[in-house]
Amino acid sequence: MPAGLPEAVIAISAAPEYQAAASALSLSSGLPLHQGEACDALLICDAQGVHLQQQGADAPGPVRVDFVSGATAYRRVHGGGAGQAIAKAIGLQHKKNLHVYDATAGMGTDSLMLASLGCTLDMTERNPAVAALLEDGLQRARLDDECVAIATRMTLHAMPAVQFMQQAINNGQQFDVVFLDPMFPHDEKNTAQVKKNMQVFRSLVGRDDDADELLPFALQIARYRVVVKRPRKSPFLNGQKPSISLEGKANRFDIYVNQGMTAK
């Protein structure tokens, strides 16, 4: 759990017909089954899979990872292909079929975009509730004819990024590109403009106040480059100036080059 927030109490709930699924999820995630006690959010198993519902009268509606339909699917189909900023930052104009490690996967949207462009993705997500949502979305995508090829290129590891990268270093494992997208700091005045998913995540998960420590590890396991997604006006991660930055209207991609890519 990142510093700055008390650990959110999240439990798993289900109607009787989905109790087996809830029990399996509790075993895999380490989250407790709901026994009627007060909690900050419920991870609910239902006919559509798994969704997260924050508790409270003013809580936004359920959050579910859906790669098959909705806004994420629209971006997958109409997002601009290899011409979009993230594709350029990763280096797809130089080299295809890159093996990318997404250290801060979250809802998996950026990983999905890269997988749809032919990349192979390893992802880590340390929050067990978010990891459960993402794994559920991947499982459903693997059952969809249009998404199965993309989703099978995505592998989730439900663990902290630093732990995963330390294991990679010890095993001599490298990835072509390491992608870091830590939870953005935010202005409380603009909370109403933040998307529902991010409102829920920020209230339950908090900021990635330890994000700076990811960069040194990432540089050790990246064959070609590390790409960091940041708010456009934010300071450099770990105070380290990148080799180059690509700026958009709201976000910026900072690129730390270890070695050049050979066009292929």
Protein backbone atom coordinates (compact mmCIF):
# COMPACT_ATOMS: atom_id res chain seq x y z
CA MET A 1 0.00 0.00 0.00
CA PRO A 2 1.47 3.38 -0.97
CA ALA A 3 2.26 5.85 1.79
CA GLY A 4 -0.25 8.59 2.55
CA LEU A 5 -3.46 6.58 3.01
CA PRO A 6 -4.57 4.08 5.62
CA GLU A 7 -5.06 0.66 4.10
CA ALA A 8 -8.56 0.39 2.64
CA VAL A 9 -10.75 -2.44 3.93
CA ILE A 10 -11.94 -4.42 0.90
CA ALA A 11 -13.90 -7.66 1.14
CA ILE A 12 -15.33 -10.10 -1.40
CA SER A 13 -19.08 -10.57 -1.71
CA ALA A 14 -21.37 -12.69 -3.88
CA ALA A 15 -24.90 -14.01 -4.13
CA PRO A 16 -25.23 -17.68 -3.06
CA GLU A 17 -24.89 -18.98 -6.62
CA TYR A 18 -21.48 -17.28 -6.96
CA GLN A 19 -20.06 -18.22 -3.56
CA ALA A 20 -17.67 -20.75 -5.09
CA ALA A 21 -16.22 -18.04 -7.34
CA ALA A 22 -15.97 -15.67 -4.36
CA SER A 23 -14.16 -18.29 -2.28
CA ALA A 24 -11.69 -18.98 -5.09
CA LEU A 25 -11.04 -15.26 -5.50
CA SER A 26 -10.50 -14.88 -1.76
CA LEU A 27 -7.95 -17.68 -1.83
CA SER A 28 -6.05 -16.25 -4.82
CA SER A 29 -6.13 -12.58 -3.76
CA GLY A 30 -5.83 -12.86 0.01
CA LEU A 31 -8.87 -10.61 0.46
CA PRO A 32 -11.44 -11.79 3.05
CA LEU A 33 -14.97 -12.91 2.32
CA HIS A 34 -17.53 -10.36 3.48
CA GLN A 35 -19.26 -11.36 6.69
CA GLY A 36 -21.43 -8.27 7.09
CA GLU A 37 -18.76 -6.07 8.66
CA ALA A 38 -18.26 -2.44 7.59
CA CYS A 39 -15.73 -1.98 4.79
CA ASP A 40 -14.58 0.66 2.33
CA ALA A 41 -15.44 -1.36 -0.79
CA LEU A 42 -16.75 -4.71 -1.93
CA LEU A 43 -15.26 -6.81 -4.68
CA ILE A 44 -18.40 -8.50 -6.02
CA CYS A 45 -18.61 -11.71 -8.06
CA ASP A 46 -21.62 -11.88 -10.37
CA ALA A 47 -22.76 -13.26 -13.72
CA GLN A 48 -20.54 -10.78 -15.60
CA GLY A 49 -17.41 -11.56 -13.61
CA VAL A 50 -15.98 -9.28 -10.92
CA HIS A 51 -16.58 -5.61 -10.14
CA LEU A 52 -15.55 -3.21 -7.40
CA GLN A 53 -18.19 -1.21 -5.56
CA GLN A 54 -17.11 1.52 -3.18
CA GLN A 55 -19.37 1.81 -0.16
CA GLY A 56 -21.21 4.96 0.94
CA ALA A 57 -24.26 6.96 -0.16
CA ASP A 58 -22.28 9.16 -2.57
CA ALA A 59 -20.01 6.44 -3.95
CA PRO A 60 -19.74 6.21 -7.75
CA GLY A 61 -21.12 3.18 -9.54
CA PRO A 62 -19.32 -0.14 -10.00
CA VAL A 63 -15.89 -0.36 -11.61
CA ARG A 64 -15.18 -3.28 -13.93
CA VAL A 65 -12.33 -3.99 -16.36
CA ASP A 66 -13.90 -4.53 -19.79
CA PHE A 67 -11.61 -4.96 -22.79
CA VAL A 68 -14.40 -6.29 -25.03
CA SER A 69 -16.88 -3.39 -25.02
CA GLY A 70 -17.21 0.19 -23.83
CA ALA A 71 -14.63 2.98 -23.84
CA THR A 72 -11.57 0.73 -23.65
CA ALA A 73 -12.73 -1.36 -26.60
CA TYR A 74 -13.44 1.82 -28.58
CA ARG A 75 -9.91 3.06 -27.93
CA ARG A 76 -8.51 -0.34 -28.90
CA VAL A 77 -10.26 -0.15 -32.29
CA HIS A 78 -10.14 3.60 -32.96
CA GLY A 79 -7.20 4.78 -30.83
CA GLY A 80 -4.85 5.76 -33.64
CA GLY A 81 -2.78 2.60 -33.95
CA ALA A 82 0.99 2.98 -34.16
CA GLY A 83 0.58 6.73 -34.58
CA GLN A 84 -0.54 7.33 -30.99
CA ALA A 85 1.85 8.87 -28.51
CA ILE A 86 2.40 5.79 -26.37
CA ALA A 87 3.36 3.71 -29.43
CA LYS A 88 5.92 6.31 -30.47
CA ALA A 89 7.29 6.54 -26.92
CA ILE A 90 7.68 2.76 -26.68
CA GLY A 91 9.53 2.76 -30.01
CA LEU A 92 7.20 0.85 -32.32
CA GLN A 93 8.27 3.05 -35.23
CA HIS A 94 11.73 1.48 -34.89
CA LYS A 95 11.06 -2.10 -33.85
CA LYS A 96 7.98 -4.33 -33.88
CA ASN A 97 6.84 -7.10 -31.54
CA LEU A 98 8.53 -5.64 -28.48
CA HIS A 99 8.44 -7.40 -25.11
CA VAL A 100 7.21 -4.72 -22.70
CA TYR A 101 7.01 -4.81 -18.93
CA ASP A 102 4.23 -2.58 -17.53
CA ALA A 103 5.23 -2.14 -13.90
CA THR A 104 2.11 -0.24 -12.79
CA ALA A 105 -0.65 -1.93 -14.76
CA GLY A 106 -3.74 -0.57 -12.98
CA MET A 107 -6.76 -1.18 -15.23
CA GLY A 108 -4.50 -2.44 -18.03
CA THR A 109 -5.61 0.09 -20.64
CA ASP A 110 -2.13 1.05 -21.85
CA SER A 111 -1.00 -2.58 -21.88
CA LEU A 112 -4.04 -3.49 -23.96
CA MET A 113 -3.18 -0.79 -26.51
CA LEU A 114 0.38 -2.07 -26.81
CA ALA A 115 -0.73 -5.71 -27.05
CA SER A 116 -3.19 -4.74 -29.80
CA LEU A 117 -0.18 -3.36 -31.72
CA GLY A 118 1.68 -6.67 -31.46
CA CYS A 119 3.69 -6.26 -28.25
CA THR A 120 3.99 -8.98 -25.62
CA LEU A 121 3.20 -7.66 -22.15
CA ASP A 122 4.18 -8.68 -18.66
CA MET A 123 2.33 -6.60 -16.08
CA THR A 124 2.46 -6.16 -12.33
CA GLU A 125 -0.24 -4.76 -10.06
CA ARG A 126 0.35 -4.79 -6.31
CA ASN A 127 -3.12 -3.91 -5.07
CA PRO A 128 -5.00 -7.23 -4.79
CA ALA A 129 -8.43 -5.75 -5.59
CA VAL A 130 -7.17 -3.99 -8.72
CA ALA A 131 -5.26 -7.11 -9.77
CA ALA A 132 -8.45 -9.16 -9.37
CA LEU A 133 -10.37 -6.75 -11.61
CA LEU A 134 -7.64 -6.85 -14.24
CA GLU A 135 -7.32 -10.64 -14.22
CA ASP A 136 -11.10 -10.94 -14.57
CA GLY A 137 -11.04 -8.58 -17.56
CA LEU A 138 -8.27 -10.62 -19.16
CA GLN A 139 -10.12 -13.89 -18.65
CA ARG A 140 -13.26 -12.54 -20.32
CA ALA A 141 -11.22 -11.04 -23.17
CA ARG A 142 -9.64 -14.44 -23.83
CA LEU A 143 -13.14 -15.81 -24.47
CA ASP A 144 -13.93 -13.15 -27.09
CA ASP A 145 -13.10 -13.87 -30.73
CA GLU A 146 -11.90 -10.31 -31.40
CA CYS A 147 -9.79 -10.01 -28.25
CA VAL A 148 -8.38 -13.48 -27.66
CA ALA A 149 -5.17 -12.96 -29.68
CA ILE A 150 -4.51 -9.66 -27.89
CA ALA A 151 -5.34 -10.88 -24.38
CA THR A 152 -3.15 -13.98 -24.69
CA ARG A 153 -0.16 -11.66 -25.19
CA MET A 154 -0.81 -10.13 -21.75
CA THR A 155 0.37 -11.79 -18.53
CA LEU A 156 -0.46 -10.37 -15.12
CA HIS A 157 1.66 -10.86 -11.99
CA ALA A 158 -0.20 -9.82 -8.83
CA MET A 159 2.78 -8.52 -6.87
CA PRO A 160 4.74 -5.32 -6.18
CA ALA A 161 6.79 -4.02 -9.09
CA VAL A 162 9.99 -3.73 -7.06
CA GLN A 163 9.73 -7.40 -6.03
CA PHE A 164 9.16 -8.47 -9.65
CA MET A 165 12.09 -6.37 -10.91
CA GLN A 166 14.42 -7.64 -8.20
CA GLN A 167 13.57 -11.19 -9.26
CA ALA A 168 14.22 -10.27 -12.90
CA ILE A 169 17.62 -8.81 -11.98
CA ASN A 170 18.55 -11.90 -9.98
CA ASN A 171 17.52 -14.13 -12.90
CA GLY A 172 19.30 -12.01 -15.52
CA GLN A 173 15.96 -11.30 -17.23
CA GLN A 174 15.49 -8.24 -19.43
CA PHE A 175 12.58 -6.65 -21.26
CA ASP A 176 12.85 -4.60 -24.43
CA VAL A 177 10.99 -1.70 -22.79
CA VAL A 178 9.86 -0.99 -19.23
CA PHE A 179 6.78 1.23 -18.93
CA LEU A 180 6.01 3.15 -15.72
CA ASP A 181 2.72 4.97 -15.16
CA PRO A 182 2.54 5.72 -11.42
CA MET A 183 -0.67 7.15 -10.00
CA PHE A 184 -0.63 10.85 -10.80
CA PRO A 185 -0.65 13.40 -7.99
CA HIS A 186 -3.84 15.42 -8.27
CA ASP A 187 -5.36 18.75 -7.35
CA GLU A 188 -8.33 18.37 -5.00
CA LYS A 189 -10.04 21.26 -6.84
CA ASN A 190 -10.27 19.11 -9.96
CA THR A 191 -11.61 15.95 -8.30
CA ALA A 192 -15.03 16.33 -10.00
CA GLN A 193 -13.34 16.15 -13.41
CA VAL A 194 -11.58 12.89 -12.68
CA LYS A 195 -13.04 9.78 -14.28
CA LYS A 196 -15.07 7.44 -12.08
CA ASN A 197 -12.46 4.67 -12.12
CA MET A 198 -9.74 7.05 -10.99
CA GLN A 199 -11.92 8.52 -8.24
CA VAL A 200 -12.41 5.05 -6.81
CA PHE A 201 -8.75 4.11 -7.14
CA ARG A 202 -7.49 7.30 -5.53
CA SER A 203 -9.82 6.92 -2.58
CA LEU A 204 -8.94 3.25 -2.03
CA VAL A 205 -5.41 2.90 -3.35
CA GLY A 206 -3.93 6.39 -2.99
CA ARG A 207 -0.91 7.87 -4.74
CA ASP A 208 2.23 5.98 -5.68
CA ASP A 209 4.38 7.98 -3.27
CA ASP A 210 7.18 5.43 -3.67
CA ALA A 211 7.25 5.73 -7.48
CA ASP A 212 10.74 7.28 -7.56
CA GLU A 213 12.32 4.02 -6.40
CA LEU A 214 10.98 2.18 -9.47
CA LEU A 215 13.18 3.99 -12.00
CA PRO A 216 16.62 2.64 -10.94
CA PHE A 217 15.31 -0.93 -11.04
CA ALA A 218 13.58 -0.33 -14.37
CA LEU A 219 16.80 0.95 -15.95
CA GLN A 220 18.55 -2.28 -14.96
CA ILE A 221 16.09 -4.59 -16.70
CA ALA A 222 15.28 -2.50 -19.81
CA ARG A 223 17.19 -3.58 -22.90
CA TYR A 224 16.38 -0.49 -24.96
CA ARG A 225 14.50 2.08 -22.90
CA VAL A 226 12.33 3.00 -19.94
CA VAL A 227 9.21 5.05 -20.67
CA VAL A 228 7.56 7.04 -17.87
CA LYS A 229 4.09 8.54 -18.29
CA ARG A 230 3.72 11.75 -16.30
CA PRO A 231 1.42 14.78 -16.04
CA ARG A 232 2.75 17.36 -18.50
CA LYS A 233 3.98 19.83 -15.86
CA SER A 234 5.15 17.37 -13.22
CA PRO A 235 8.80 16.92 -12.17
CA PHE A 236 10.89 14.11 -13.58
CA LEU A 237 10.59 10.78 -11.82
CA ASN A 238 13.33 10.38 -9.20
CA GLY A 239 14.58 13.84 -10.26
CA GLN A 240 16.32 12.18 -13.21
CA LYS A 241 16.28 14.00 -16.55
CA PRO A 242 15.20 11.73 -19.45
CA SER A 243 16.98 11.34 -22.77
CA ILE A 244 13.94 12.82 -24.50
CA SER A 245 10.33 13.74 -23.70
CA LEU A 246 7.22 13.60 -25.87
CA GLU A 247 4.62 16.12 -24.68
CA GLY A 248 0.87 16.03 -25.22
CA LYS A 249 -1.89 18.32 -23.99
CA ALA A 250 -2.18 16.74 -20.55
CA ASN A 251 0.50 14.04 -20.33
CA ARG A 252 4.17 13.64 -21.11
CA PHE A 253 6.22 10.56 -21.95
CA ASP A 254 9.76 10.70 -20.54
CA ILE A 255 12.10 8.30 -22.35
CA TYR A 256 15.30 7.01 -20.76
CA VAL A 257 17.41 5.35 -23.46
CA ASN A 258 19.75 2.50 -22.59
CA GLN A 259 20.58 1.68 -26.21
CA GLY A 260 19.21 2.49 -29.63
CA MET A 261 16.71 0.31 -31.44
CA THR A 262 17.58 -1.16 -34.80
CA ALA A 263 14.76 -0.65 -37.28
CA LYS A 264 13.05 -3.90 -38.19
